[in-house]
C-alpha atoms as a PDB file:
ATOM      1  CA  UNK A   1      69.637  -7.974  15.904  1.00  0.00           C
ATOM      2  CA  UNK A   2      67.418  -8.722  18.891  1.00  0.00           C
ATOM      3  CA  UNK A   3      64.076 -10.496  18.774  1.00  0.00           C
ATOM      4  CA  UNK A   4      61.513 -10.162  21.734  1.00  0.00           C
ATOM      5  CA  UNK A   5      61.490 -13.649  22.260  1.00  0.00           C
ATOM      6  CA  UNK A   6      65.381 -13.830  22.558  1.00  0.00           C
ATOM      7  CA  UNK A   7      66.815 -10.873  24.758  1.00  0.00           C
ATOM      8  CA  UNK A   8      70.352 -10.775  23.834  1.00  0.00           C
ATOM      9  CA  UNK A   9      71.817 -10.330  27.520  1.00  0.00           C
ATOM     10  CA  UNK A  10      69.534 -13.002  29.091  1.00  0.00           C
ATOM     11  CA  UNK A  11      70.412 -15.494  26.109  1.00  0.00           C
ATOM     12  CA  UNK A  12      74.222 -14.923  26.854  1.00  0.00           C
ATOM     13  CA  UNK A  13      73.654 -15.592  30.473  1.00  0.00           C
ATOM     14  CA  UNK A  14      71.588 -18.738  29.628  1.00  0.00           C
ATOM     15  CA  UNK A  15      74.196 -19.959  27.358  1.00  0.00           C
ATOM     16  CA  UNK A  16      76.866 -19.516  30.132  1.00  0.00           C
ATOM     17  CA  UNK A  17      74.929 -21.524  32.409  1.00  0.00           C
ATOM     18  CA  UNK A  18      74.157 -24.213  29.706  1.00  0.00           C
ATOM     19  CA  UNK A  19      77.823 -24.516  29.283  1.00  0.00           C
ATOM     20  CA  UNK A  20      78.340 -25.208  32.932  1.00  0.00           C
ATOM     21  CA  UNK A  21      75.503 -27.749  32.998  1.00  0.00           C
ATOM     22  CA  UNK A  22      76.903 -29.460  29.865  1.00  0.00           C
ATOM     23  CA  UNK A  23      80.262 -30.193  31.570  1.00  0.00           C
ATOM     24  CA  UNK A  24      78.640 -32.356  34.447  1.00  0.00           C
ATOM     25  CA  UNK A  25      76.187 -33.684  31.723  1.00  0.00           C
ATOM     26  CA  UNK A  26      78.913 -34.871  29.413  1.00  0.00           C
ATOM     27  CA  UNK A  27      80.980 -36.418  32.184  1.00  0.00           C
ATOM     28  CA  UNK A  28      77.965 -38.823  33.001  1.00  0.00           C
ATOM     29  CA  UNK A  29      77.068 -39.066  29.117  1.00  0.00           C
ATOM     30  CA  UNK A  30      80.552 -40.485  28.226  1.00  0.00           C
ATOM     31  CA  UNK A  31      80.375 -43.182  30.732  1.00  0.00           C
ATOM     32  CA  UNK A  32      79.105 -46.455  29.293  1.00  0.00           C
ATOM     33  CA  UNK A  33      75.911 -46.354  31.417  1.00  0.00           C
ATOM     34  CA  UNK A  34      75.157 -42.885  30.284  1.00  0.00           C
ATOM     35  CA  UNK A  35      74.511 -43.243  26.581  1.00  0.00           C
ATOM     36  CA  UNK A  36      73.123 -45.780  24.001  1.00  0.00           C
ATOM     37  CA  UNK A  37      73.355 -46.157  20.317  1.00  0.00           C
ATOM     38  CA  UNK A  38      70.492 -46.044  18.009  1.00  0.00           C
ATOM     39  CA  UNK A  39      69.527 -46.596  14.407  1.00  0.00           C
ATOM     40  CA  UNK A  40      68.088 -43.711  12.305  1.00  0.00           C
ATOM     41  CA  UNK A  41      64.956 -42.428  13.855  1.00  0.00           C
ATOM     42  CA  UNK A  42      63.278 -42.085  10.571  1.00  0.00           C
ATOM     43  CA  UNK A  43      63.955 -45.296   8.632  1.00  0.00           C
ATOM     44  CA  UNK A  44      65.557 -47.366  11.261  1.00  0.00           C
ATOM     45  CA  UNK A  45      68.783 -47.951   9.050  1.00  0.00           C
ATOM     46  CA  UNK A  46      71.822 -48.899  10.953  1.00  0.00           C
ATOM     47  CA  UNK A  47      74.149 -47.255   8.503  1.00  0.00           C
ATOM     48  CA  UNK A  48      75.030 -43.710   8.849  1.00  0.00           C
ATOM     49  CA  UNK A  49      78.046 -41.440   8.160  1.00  0.00           C
ATOM     50  CA  UNK A  50      79.467 -38.727  10.572  1.00  0.00           C
ATOM     51  CA  UNK A  51      78.420 -35.480   9.619  1.00  0.00           C
ATOM     52  CA  UNK A  52      80.253 -33.394  12.420  1.00  0.00           C
ATOM     53  CA  UNK A  53      80.745 -33.008  16.194  1.00  0.00           C
ATOM     54  CA  UNK A  54      79.454 -30.163  18.254  1.00  0.00           C
ATOM     55  CA  UNK A  55      79.895 -29.730  21.978  1.00  0.00           C
ATOM     56  CA  UNK A  56      80.764 -33.184  22.821  1.00  0.00           C
ATOM     57  CA  UNK A  57      78.027 -34.941  20.628  1.00  0.00           C
ATOM     58  CA  UNK A  58      78.323 -36.690  17.198  1.00  0.00           C
ATOM     59  CA  UNK A  59      75.839 -35.873  14.527  1.00  0.00           C
ATOM     60  CA  UNK A  60      75.340 -38.378  11.745  1.00  0.00           C
ATOM     61  CA  UNK A  61      73.493 -38.597   8.533  1.00  0.00           C
ATOM     62  CA  UNK A  62      71.376 -41.745   7.460  1.00  0.00           C
ATOM     63  CA  UNK A  63      73.122 -43.417   4.459  1.00  0.00           C
ATOM     64  CA  UNK A  64      69.497 -44.371   3.337  1.00  0.00           C
ATOM     65  CA  UNK A  65      67.092 -41.485   3.991  1.00  0.00           C
ATOM     66  CA  UNK A  66      69.592 -38.448   4.778  1.00  0.00           C
ATOM     67  CA  UNK A  67      68.052 -37.804   8.051  1.00  0.00           C
ATOM     68  CA  UNK A  68      70.447 -35.908  10.484  1.00  0.00           C
ATOM     69  CA  UNK A  69      70.434 -37.097  14.026  1.00  0.00           C
ATOM     70  CA  UNK A  70      72.603 -37.348  16.981  1.00  0.00           C
ATOM     71  CA  UNK A  71      74.180 -40.819  17.886  1.00  0.00           C
ATOM     72  CA  UNK A  72      74.879 -42.078  20.527  1.00  0.00           C
ATOM     73  CA  UNK A  73      72.198 -40.471  22.610  1.00  0.00           C
ATOM     74  CA  UNK A  74      71.748 -39.974  26.318  1.00  0.00           C
ATOM     75  CA  UNK A  75      69.682 -42.465  28.331  1.00  0.00           C
ATOM     76  CA  UNK A  76      66.222 -41.485  29.603  1.00  0.00           C
ATOM     77  CA  UNK A  77      67.530 -41.006  33.063  1.00  0.00           C
ATOM     78  CA  UNK A  78      70.159 -38.545  31.951  1.00  0.00           C
ATOM     79  CA  UNK A  79      67.656 -36.627  29.838  1.00  0.00           C
ATOM     80  CA  UNK A  80      65.356 -36.346  32.618  1.00  0.00           C
ATOM     81  CA  UNK A  81      67.926 -34.869  34.797  1.00  0.00           C
ATOM     82  CA  UNK A  82      68.910 -32.413  32.050  1.00  0.00           C
ATOM     83  CA  UNK A  83      65.216 -31.158  31.701  1.00  0.00           C
ATOM     84  CA  UNK A  84      64.338 -31.405  35.313  1.00  0.00           C
ATOM     85  CA  UNK A  85      67.407 -30.678  37.352  1.00  0.00           C
ATOM     86  CA  UNK A  86      69.711 -28.364  35.545  1.00  0.00           C
ATOM     87  CA  UNK A  87      69.941 -24.654  36.449  1.00  0.00           C
ATOM     88  CA  UNK A  88      70.039 -23.462  32.834  1.00  0.00           C
ATOM     89  CA  UNK A  89      66.716 -24.984  32.256  1.00  0.00           C
ATOM     90  CA  UNK A  90      65.077 -23.417  35.355  1.00  0.00           C
ATOM     91  CA  UNK A  91      66.799 -19.885  34.201  1.00  0.00           C
ATOM     92  CA  UNK A  92      65.252 -20.343  30.727  1.00  0.00           C
ATOM     93  CA  UNK A  93      61.760 -20.982  32.146  1.00  0.00           C
ATOM     94  CA  UNK A  94      61.995 -18.243  34.820  1.00  0.00           C
ATOM     95  CA  UNK A  95      63.913 -15.426  33.160  1.00  0.00           C
ATOM     96  CA  UNK A  96      63.182 -15.968  29.467  1.00  0.00           C
ATOM     97  CA  UNK A  97      59.947 -17.914  28.966  1.00  0.00           C
ATOM     98  CA  UNK A  98      57.814 -16.217  31.699  1.00  0.00           C
ATOM     99  CA  UNK A  99      59.097 -12.532  31.107  1.00  0.00           C
ATOM    100  CA  UNK A 100      58.291 -12.964  27.408  1.00  0.00           C
ATOM    101  CA  UNK A 101      54.983 -14.646  28.036  1.00  0.00           C
ATOM    102  CA  UNK A 102      52.739 -12.169  26.212  1.00  0.00           C
ATOM    103  CA  UNK A 103      54.887 -12.341  23.170  1.00  0.00           C
ATOM    104  CA  UNK A 104      54.973 -16.015  23.108  1.00  0.00           C
ATOM    105  CA  UNK A 105      51.289 -16.269  23.735  1.00  0.00           C
ATOM    106  CA  UNK A 106      50.622 -14.627  20.335  1.00  0.00           C
ATOM    107  CA  UNK A 107      52.575 -17.527  18.513  1.00  0.00           C
ATOM    108  CA  UNK A 108      50.115 -19.967  20.190  1.00  0.00           C
ATOM    109  CA  UNK A 109      47.082 -17.934  19.476  1.00  0.00           C
ATOM    110  CA  UNK A 110      48.002 -18.128  15.678  1.00  0.00           C
ATOM    111  CA  UNK A 111      48.822 -21.834  16.136  1.00  0.00           C
ATOM    112  CA  UNK A 112      45.293 -22.352  17.586  1.00  0.00           C
ATOM    113  CA  UNK A 113      43.971 -20.389  14.541  1.00  0.00           C
ATOM    114  CA  UNK A 114      45.926 -22.609  12.163  1.00  0.00           C
ATOM    115  CA  UNK A 115      44.542 -25.598  14.002  1.00  0.00           C
ATOM    116  CA  UNK A 116      40.940 -24.654  13.636  1.00  0.00           C
ATOM    117  CA  UNK A 117      40.360 -26.318  10.368  1.00  0.00           C
ATOM    118  CA  UNK A 118      41.505 -29.687  11.740  1.00  0.00           C
ATOM    119  CA  UNK A 119      39.652 -29.604  15.141  1.00  0.00           C
ATOM    120  CA  UNK A 120      36.220 -31.136  15.370  1.00  0.00           C
ATOM    121  CA  UNK A 121      33.443 -30.326  17.942  1.00  0.00           C
ATOM    122  CA  UNK A 122      33.812 -32.309  21.147  1.00  0.00           C
ATOM    123  CA  UNK A 123      37.448 -33.194  20.325  1.00  0.00           C
ATOM    124  CA  UNK A 124      39.723 -34.064  23.504  1.00  0.00           C
ATOM    125  CA  UNK A 125      43.057 -32.624  22.816  1.00  0.00           C
ATOM    126  CA  UNK A 126      46.260 -33.761  24.486  1.00  0.00           C
ATOM    127  CA  UNK A 127      49.423 -31.445  24.322  1.00  0.00           C
ATOM    128  CA  UNK A 128      52.854 -33.263  24.719  1.00  0.00           C
ATOM    129  CA  UNK A 129      55.261 -30.918  26.385  1.00  0.00           C
ATOM    130  CA  UNK A 130      52.966 -28.408  27.881  1.00  0.00           C
ATOM    131  CA  UNK A 131      55.768 -26.350  29.538  1.00  0.00           C
ATOM    132  CA  UNK A 132      54.398 -23.056  30.868  1.00  0.00           C
ATOM    133  CA  UNK A 133      50.973 -23.489  29.474  1.00  0.00           C
ATOM    134  CA  UNK A 134      50.761 -21.056  26.467  1.00  0.00           C
ATOM    135  CA  UNK A 135      48.849 -23.554  24.232  1.00  0.00           C
ATOM    136  CA  UNK A 136      46.769 -24.580  26.992  1.00  0.00           C
ATOM    137  CA  UNK A 137      45.541 -21.079  27.504  1.00  0.00           C
ATOM    138  CA  UNK A 138      44.974 -20.492  23.683  1.00  0.00           C
ATOM    139  CA  UNK A 139      43.022 -23.863  23.504  1.00  0.00           C
ATOM    140  CA  UNK A 140      40.910 -22.881  26.592  1.00  0.00           C
ATOM    141  CA  UNK A 141      39.989 -19.476  24.881  1.00  0.00           C
ATOM    142  CA  UNK A 142      38.688 -21.429  21.947  1.00  0.00           C
ATOM    143  CA  UNK A 143      36.622 -23.652  24.281  1.00  0.00           C
ATOM    144  CA  UNK A 144      38.472 -26.826  23.613  1.00  0.00           C
ATOM    145  CA  UNK A 145      38.925 -29.877  26.078  1.00  0.00           C
ATOM    146  CA  UNK A 146      42.670 -29.927  26.442  1.00  0.00           C
ATOM    147  CA  UNK A 147      45.162 -31.691  28.886  1.00  0.00           C
ATOM    148  CA  UNK A 148      48.981 -31.856  28.895  1.00  0.00           C
ATOM    149  CA  UNK A 149      52.028 -33.961  29.457  1.00  0.00           C
ATOM    150  CA  UNK A 150      55.286 -32.341  30.817  1.00  0.00           C
ATOM    151  CA  UNK A 151      58.586 -33.809  32.249  1.00  0.00           C
ATOM    152  CA  UNK A 152      59.347 -30.608  34.687  1.00  0.00           C
ATOM    153  CA  UNK A 153      57.627 -30.915  37.894  1.00  0.00           C
ATOM    154  CA  UNK A 154      57.814 -27.223  38.503  1.00  0.00           C
ATOM    155  CA  UNK A 155      55.970 -26.546  35.199  1.00  0.00           C
ATOM    156  CA  UNK A 156      53.509 -29.237  35.894  1.00  0.00           C
ATOM    157  CA  UNK A 157      52.595 -27.581  39.306  1.00  0.00           C
ATOM    158  CA  UNK A 158      52.564 -24.194  37.816  1.00  0.00           C
ATOM    159  CA  UNK A 159      50.229 -24.882  34.877  1.00  0.00           C
ATOM    160  CA  UNK A 160      47.793 -27.001  36.817  1.00  0.00           C
ATOM    161  CA  UNK A 161      47.389 -24.315  39.335  1.00  0.00           C
ATOM    162  CA  UNK A 162      47.100 -21.618  36.699  1.00  0.00           C
ATOM    163  CA  UNK A 163      44.616 -23.221  34.369  1.00  0.00           C
ATOM    164  CA  UNK A 164      42.989 -25.945  36.529  1.00  0.00           C
ATOM    165  CA  UNK A 165      43.531 -28.668  33.843  1.00  0.00           C
ATOM    166  CA  UNK A 166      45.106 -32.125  34.036  1.00  0.00           C
ATOM    167  CA  UNK A 167      48.750 -32.229  33.480  1.00  0.00           C
ATOM    168  CA  UNK A 168      50.504 -35.596  33.466  1.00  0.00           C
ATOM    169  CA  UNK A 169      54.146 -35.561  34.717  1.00  0.00           C
ATOM    170  CA  UNK A 170      56.749 -37.501  33.127  1.00  0.00           C
ATOM    171  CA  UNK A 171      57.897 -38.542  29.462  1.00  0.00           C
ATOM    172  CA  UNK A 172      54.934 -39.374  27.369  1.00  0.00           C
ATOM    173  CA  UNK A 173      56.191 -42.824  26.629  1.00  0.00           C
ATOM    174  CA  UNK A 174      55.912 -43.682  30.298  1.00  0.00           C
ATOM    175  CA  UNK A 175      52.719 -42.193  31.314  1.00  0.00           C
ATOM    176  CA  UNK A 176      49.359 -44.085  31.633  1.00  0.00           C
ATOM    177  CA  UNK A 177      46.442 -41.899  30.537  1.00  0.00           C
ATOM    178  CA  UNK A 178      42.784 -41.659  32.037  1.00  0.00           C
ATOM    179  CA  UNK A 179      40.973 -41.843  28.483  1.00  0.00           C
ATOM    180  CA  UNK A 180      41.651 -41.769  24.849  1.00  0.00           C
ATOM    181  CA  UNK A 181      42.169 -38.455  22.804  1.00  0.00           C
ATOM    182  CA  UNK A 182      40.976 -37.165  19.342  1.00  0.00           C
ATOM    183  CA  UNK A 183      44.019 -35.050  18.789  1.00  0.00           C
ATOM    184  CA  UNK A 184      47.568 -34.957  20.091  1.00  0.00           C
ATOM    185  CA  UNK A 185      49.630 -31.655  19.610  1.00  0.00           C
ATOM    186  CA  UNK A 186      53.282 -31.380  19.926  1.00  0.00           C
ATOM    187  CA  UNK A 187      54.976 -27.921  19.715  1.00  0.00           C
ATOM    188  CA  UNK A 188      58.795 -28.206  19.137  1.00  0.00           C
ATOM    189  CA  UNK A 189      59.025 -31.647  20.834  1.00  0.00           C
ATOM    190  CA  UNK A 190      59.480 -34.457  18.314  1.00  0.00           C
ATOM    191  CA  UNK A 191      63.087 -33.291  17.694  1.00  0.00           C
ATOM    192  CA  UNK A 192      63.819 -33.935  21.360  1.00  0.00           C
ATOM    193  CA  UNK A 193      62.671 -37.664  21.392  1.00  0.00           C
ATOM    194  CA  UNK A 194      65.177 -40.475  21.230  1.00  0.00           C
ATOM    195  CA  UNK A 195      62.817 -42.955  19.482  1.00  0.00           C
ATOM    196  CA  UNK A 196      60.329 -40.692  17.591  1.00  0.00           C
ATOM    197  CA  UNK A 197      58.643 -43.589  15.603  1.00  0.00           C
ATOM    198  CA  UNK A 198      57.887 -45.466  18.895  1.00  0.00           C
ATOM    199  CA  UNK A 199      56.571 -42.279  20.285  1.00  0.00           C
ATOM    200  CA  UNK A 200      54.261 -41.680  17.267  1.00  0.00           C
ATOM    201  CA  UNK A 201      53.017 -45.359  17.368  1.00  0.00           C
ATOM    202  CA  UNK A 202      52.028 -44.910  21.137  1.00  0.00           C
ATOM    203  CA  UNK A 203      50.448 -41.590  20.082  1.00  0.00           C
ATOM    204  CA  UNK A 204      48.404 -43.612  17.556  1.00  0.00           C
ATOM    205  CA  UNK A 205      47.218 -46.060  20.187  1.00  0.00           C
ATOM    206  CA  UNK A 206      45.841 -43.097  22.020  1.00  0.00           C
ATOM    207  CA  UNK A 207      43.901 -41.857  18.850  1.00  0.00           C
ATOM    208  CA  UNK A 208      40.884 -43.395  16.976  1.00  0.00           C
ATOM    209  CA  UNK A 209      41.068 -44.030  13.229  1.00  0.00           C
ATOM    210  CA  UNK A 210      41.051 -40.539  11.714  1.00  0.00           C
ATOM    211  CA  UNK A 211      42.526 -39.016  14.852  1.00  0.00           C
ATOM    212  CA  UNK A 212      44.916 -36.136  14.264  1.00  0.00           C
ATOM    213  CA  UNK A 213      48.440 -35.233  15.044  1.00  0.00           C
ATOM    214  CA  UNK A 214      49.323 -31.593  15.058  1.00  0.00           C
ATOM    215  CA  UNK A 215      52.855 -29.867  15.626  1.00  0.00           C
ATOM    216  CA  UNK A 216      55.543 -28.058  14.796  1.00  0.00           C
ATOM    217  CA  UNK A 217      59.327 -28.572  14.654  1.00  0.00           C
ATOM    218  CA  UNK A 218      62.600 -27.242  13.297  1.00  0.00           C
ATOM    219  CA  UNK A 219      63.072 -27.672   9.456  1.00  0.00           C
ATOM    220  CA  UNK A 220      66.646 -28.826   8.616  1.00  0.00           C
ATOM    221  CA  UNK A 221      65.787 -27.745   4.972  1.00  0.00           C
ATOM    222  CA  UNK A 222      64.871 -24.100   6.167  1.00  0.00           C
ATOM    223  CA  UNK A 223      66.935 -21.319   4.764  1.00  0.00           C
ATOM    224  CA  UNK A 224      68.269 -20.423   8.155  1.00  0.00           C
ATOM    225  CA  UNK A 225      69.798 -23.713   8.652  1.00  0.00           C
ATOM    226  CA  UNK A 226      71.091 -23.927   5.105  1.00  0.00           C
ATOM    227  CA  UNK A 227      72.889 -20.481   5.737  1.00  0.00           C
ATOM    228  CA  UNK A 228      74.156 -21.045   9.299  1.00  0.00           C
ATOM    229  CA  UNK A 229      75.145 -24.663   9.141  1.00  0.00           C
ATOM    230  CA  UNK A 230      76.213 -26.601  12.183  1.00  0.00           C
ATOM    231  CA  UNK A 231      76.678 -23.208  14.060  1.00  0.00           C
ATOM    232  CA  UNK A 232      72.959 -22.556  14.138  1.00  0.00           C
ATOM    233  CA  UNK A 233      71.907 -22.163  17.777  1.00  0.00           C
ATOM    234  CA  UNK A 234      69.048 -24.704  17.222  1.00  0.00           C
ATOM    235  CA  UNK A 235      71.607 -27.515  16.256  1.00  0.00           C
ATOM    236  CA  UNK A 236      72.362 -28.308  19.997  1.00  0.00           C
ATOM    237  CA  UNK A 237      72.411 -31.547  22.045  1.00  0.00           C
ATOM    238  CA  UNK A 238      70.964 -33.034  24.253  1.00  0.00           C
ATOM    239  CA  UNK A 239      68.085 -30.855  23.695  1.00  0.00           C
ATOM    240  CA  UNK A 240      67.747 -31.565  19.874  1.00  0.00           C
ATOM    241  CA  UNK A 241      68.435 -35.115  18.851  1.00  0.00           C
ATOM    242  CA  UNK A 242      66.689 -35.187  15.479  1.00  0.00           C
ATOM    243  CA  UNK A 243      66.601 -32.930  12.571  1.00  0.00           C
ATOM    244  CA  UNK A 244      63.759 -33.471  10.087  1.00  0.00           C
ATOM    245  CA  UNK A 245      62.751 -32.212   6.675  1.00  0.00           C
ATOM    246  CA  UNK A 246      59.173 -32.587   4.981  1.00  0.00           C
ATOM    247  CA  UNK A 247      60.683 -35.569   3.099  1.00  0.00           C
ATOM    248  CA  UNK A 248      61.990 -37.504   6.078  1.00  0.00           C
ATOM    249  CA  UNK A 249      58.748 -36.625   8.168  1.00  0.00           C
ATOM    250  CA  UNK A 250      56.675 -38.309   5.586  1.00  0.00           C
ATOM    251  CA  UNK A 251      58.747 -41.409   5.874  1.00  0.00           C
ATOM    252  CA  UNK A 252      58.651 -41.316   9.549  1.00  0.00           C
ATOM    253  CA  UNK A 253      54.793 -40.755   9.899  1.00  0.00           C
ATOM    254  CA  UNK A 254      54.207 -43.584   7.327  1.00  0.00           C
ATOM    255  CA  UNK A 255      56.200 -46.029   9.458  1.00  0.00           C
ATOM    256  CA  UNK A 256      54.057 -44.931  12.528  1.00  0.00           C
ATOM    257  CA  UNK A 257      50.731 -45.439  10.850  1.00  0.00           C
ATOM    258  CA  UNK A 258      49.862 -41.864   9.836  1.00  0.00           C
ATOM    259  CA  UNK A 259      49.478 -39.976   6.659  1.00  0.00           C
ATOM    260  CA  UNK A 260      50.890 -36.380   6.481  1.00  0.00           C
ATOM    261  CA  UNK A 261      48.040 -34.294   5.118  1.00  0.00           C
ATOM    262  CA  UNK A 262      49.194 -30.696   5.347  1.00  0.00           C
ATOM    263  CA  UNK A 263      52.390 -28.597   6.139  1.00  0.00           C
ATOM    264  CA  UNK A 264      53.468 -25.066   6.089  1.00  0.00           C
ATOM    265  CA  UNK A 265      56.509 -23.201   7.402  1.00  0.00           C
ATOM    266  CA  UNK A 266      55.460 -20.435   9.676  1.00  0.00           C
ATOM    267  CA  UNK A 267      58.825 -19.632  11.128  1.00  0.00           C
ATOM    268  CA  UNK A 268      59.534 -15.933  12.262  1.00  0.00           C
ATOM    269  CA  UNK A 269      63.305 -16.046  13.231  1.00  0.00           C
ATOM    270  CA  UNK A 270      64.904 -16.879  10.060  1.00  0.00           C
ATOM    271  CA  UNK A 271      66.130 -13.545   8.942  1.00  0.00           C
ATOM    272  CA  UNK A 272      67.114 -12.451  12.505  1.00  0.00           C
ATOM    273  CA  UNK A 273      68.999 -15.720  12.975  1.00  0.00           C
ATOM    274  CA  UNK A 274      70.770 -15.292   9.845  1.00  0.00           C
ATOM    275  CA  UNK A 275      71.843 -11.749  10.582  1.00  0.00           C
ATOM    276  CA  UNK A 276      73.032 -12.590  13.954  1.00  0.00           C
ATOM    277  CA  UNK A 277      75.149 -15.331  12.530  1.00  0.00           C
ATOM    278  CA  UNK A 278      76.782 -12.840  10.159  1.00  0.00           C
ATOM    279  CA  UNK A 279      77.453 -10.574  12.899  1.00  0.00           C
ATOM    280  CA  UNK A 280      79.615 -13.192  14.817  1.00  0.00           C
ATOM    281  CA  UNK A 281      82.348 -12.223  12.337  1.00  0.00           C
ATOM    282  CA  UNK A 282      82.394 -15.579  10.750  1.00  0.00           C
ATOM    283  CA  UNK A 283      81.007 -14.577   7.369  1.00  0.00           C
ATOM    284  CA  UNK A 284      82.571 -12.427   4.558  1.00  0.00           C
ATOM    285  CA  UNK A 285      80.779 -12.975   1.164  1.00  0.00           C
ATOM    286  CA  UNK A 286      79.356 -10.289  -0.841  1.00  0.00           C
ATOM    287  CA  UNK A 287      75.823 -11.286   0.273  1.00  0.00           C
ATOM    288  CA  UNK A 288      76.740 -11.010   3.996  1.00  0.00           C
ATOM    289  CA  UNK A 289      78.261  -7.799   3.330  1.00  0.00           C
ATOM    290  CA  UNK A 290      75.129  -6.581   1.521  1.00  0.00           C
ATOM    291  CA  UNK A 291      72.994  -7.493   4.580  1.00  0.00           C
ATOM    292  CA  UNK A 292      75.479  -5.929   7.016  1.00  0.00           C
ATOM    293  CA  UNK A 293      75.614  -2.636   5.114  1.00  0.00           C
ATOM    294  CA  UNK A 294      71.720  -2.661   4.745  1.00  0.00           C
ATOM    295  CA  UNK A 295      71.277  -3.042   8.480  1.00  0.00           C
ATOM    296  CA  UNK A 296      73.980  -0.266   9.159  1.00  0.00           C
ATOM    297  CA  UNK A 297      72.081   2.089   6.832  1.00  0.00           C
ATOM    298  CA  UNK A 298      68.579   1.646   8.121  1.00  0.00           C
ATOM    299  CA  UNK A 299      67.374   3.373  11.214  1.00  0.00           C
ATOM    300  CA  UNK A 300      66.508   0.818  14.048  1.00  0.00           C
ATOM    301  CA  UNK A 301      62.789   1.985  14.031  1.00  0.00           C
ATOM    302  CA  UNK A 302      62.593   0.848  10.406  1.00  0.00           C
ATOM    303  CA  UNK A 303      64.456  -2.458  10.777  1.00  0.00           C
ATOM    304  CA  UNK A 304      61.174  -4.470  12.003  1.00  0.00           C
ATOM    305  CA  UNK A 305      59.718  -3.466   8.625  1.00  0.00           C
ATOM    306  CA  UNK A 306      62.663  -5.053   6.734  1.00  0.00           C
ATOM    307  CA  UNK A 307      62.440  -8.056   8.974  1.00  0.00           C
ATOM    308  CA  UNK A 308      58.704  -8.462   8.268  1.00  0.00           C
ATOM    309  CA  UNK A 309      59.182  -8.223   4.601  1.00  0.00           C
ATOM    310  CA  UNK A 310      61.937 -10.886   4.505  1.00  0.00           C
ATOM    311  CA  UNK A 311      59.901 -13.170   6.826  1.00  0.00           C
ATOM    312  CA  UNK A 312      56.782 -12.889   4.779  1.00  0.00           C
ATOM    313  CA  UNK A 313      58.598 -14.046   1.511  1.00  0.00           C
ATOM    314  CA  UNK A 314      60.276 -16.817   3.241  1.00  0.00           C
ATOM    315  CA  UNK A 315      57.166 -18.182   4.731  1.00  0.00           C
ATOM    316  CA  UNK A 316      55.129 -17.788   1.474  1.00  0.00           C
ATOM    317  CA  UNK A 317      57.752 -19.857  -0.291  1.00  0.00           C
ATOM    318  CA  UNK A 318      57.888 -22.606   2.541  1.00  0.00           C
ATOM    319  CA  UNK A 319      61.430 -21.850   3.349  1.00  0.00           C
ATOM    320  CA  UNK A 320      61.603 -21.008   6.885  1.00  0.00           C
ATOM    321  CA  UNK A 321      63.300 -23.017   9.548  1.00  0.00           C
ATOM    322  CA  UNK A 322      60.006 -24.075  11.308  1.00  0.00           C
ATOM    323  CA  UNK A 323      57.550 -26.741  10.027  1.00  0.00           C
ATOM    324  CA  UNK A 324      53.672 -26.879  10.891  1.00  0.00           C
ATOM    325  CA  UNK A 325      52.295 -30.295  10.204  1.00  0.00           C
ATOM    326  CA  UNK A 326      49.140 -32.078  10.361  1.00  0.00           C
ATOM    327  CA  UNK A 327      48.758 -35.913  10.135  1.00  0.00           C
ATOM    328  CA  UNK A 328      45.922 -38.352  10.198  1.00  0.00           C
ATOM    329  CA  UNK A 329      45.936 -41.932  11.684  1.00  0.00           C
ATOM    330  CA  UNK A 330      45.126 -44.438   9.051  1.00  0.00           C
END
């Protein structure tokens, strides 16, 4: 199955480039100066058990809070090279992100609508990981005062020129800001961060009491992760270093001085990701056979309707592989 956000042929080409980049990355990562060990990103426990390895990275589960995370992790220098120097990243931005811009904008318009109950008049909003500016555009359409932070220098230049807003370049942890903000948003970013608690504490410093954090990130307790397991395409390093659930997020935000006040699971790719995993030929249960027969029996023009029904039920029951959260600084 193909979704408009993930053109199959282009994703195959991206994955080939990523494999090439990983070869160079891993040669540096496995040197002593290319990686560092860390404690659990949620509870800081130093005790963890090996869960599995994938593509040269070790994934472990915290013995105390059950958070799944990558350990050891690349250094900041190596991560910056990955995000701002590798051909696979540029290919993804130019050939996948930009051509699917209109479809992706719809997601950010929906996110802006979901945010509305939590945005106050006059709020200054900072987006961490502004990428190509999808949220920047949605926020400007709402009349919000918005700025951004982005590692990739090409994207900083592109977004500033297109939207005429302030975009700080670099990792958020190392950027000095012009003023304080009332709300910080992060769309699919927290899972990338080596020390998310330290990042959230710095975010808290940029917020007044009652300031809000809003974001989305993968939900490791989502049905697509439960079904696909470690082979899920979103379980990948060095891009994704942390794999949170609502339970672990509550602990993490509490440590950082926030209270998690709202969550939903608005993911739209669960059913498609599961179907694609089945068609890799790695599944053979009765349930997998049923879904395969269902797909083979229904005309292509009707399959979007089937996907929509499954997606609605998954979202309603808060089972999707994507979490939308709101937290308030205490």
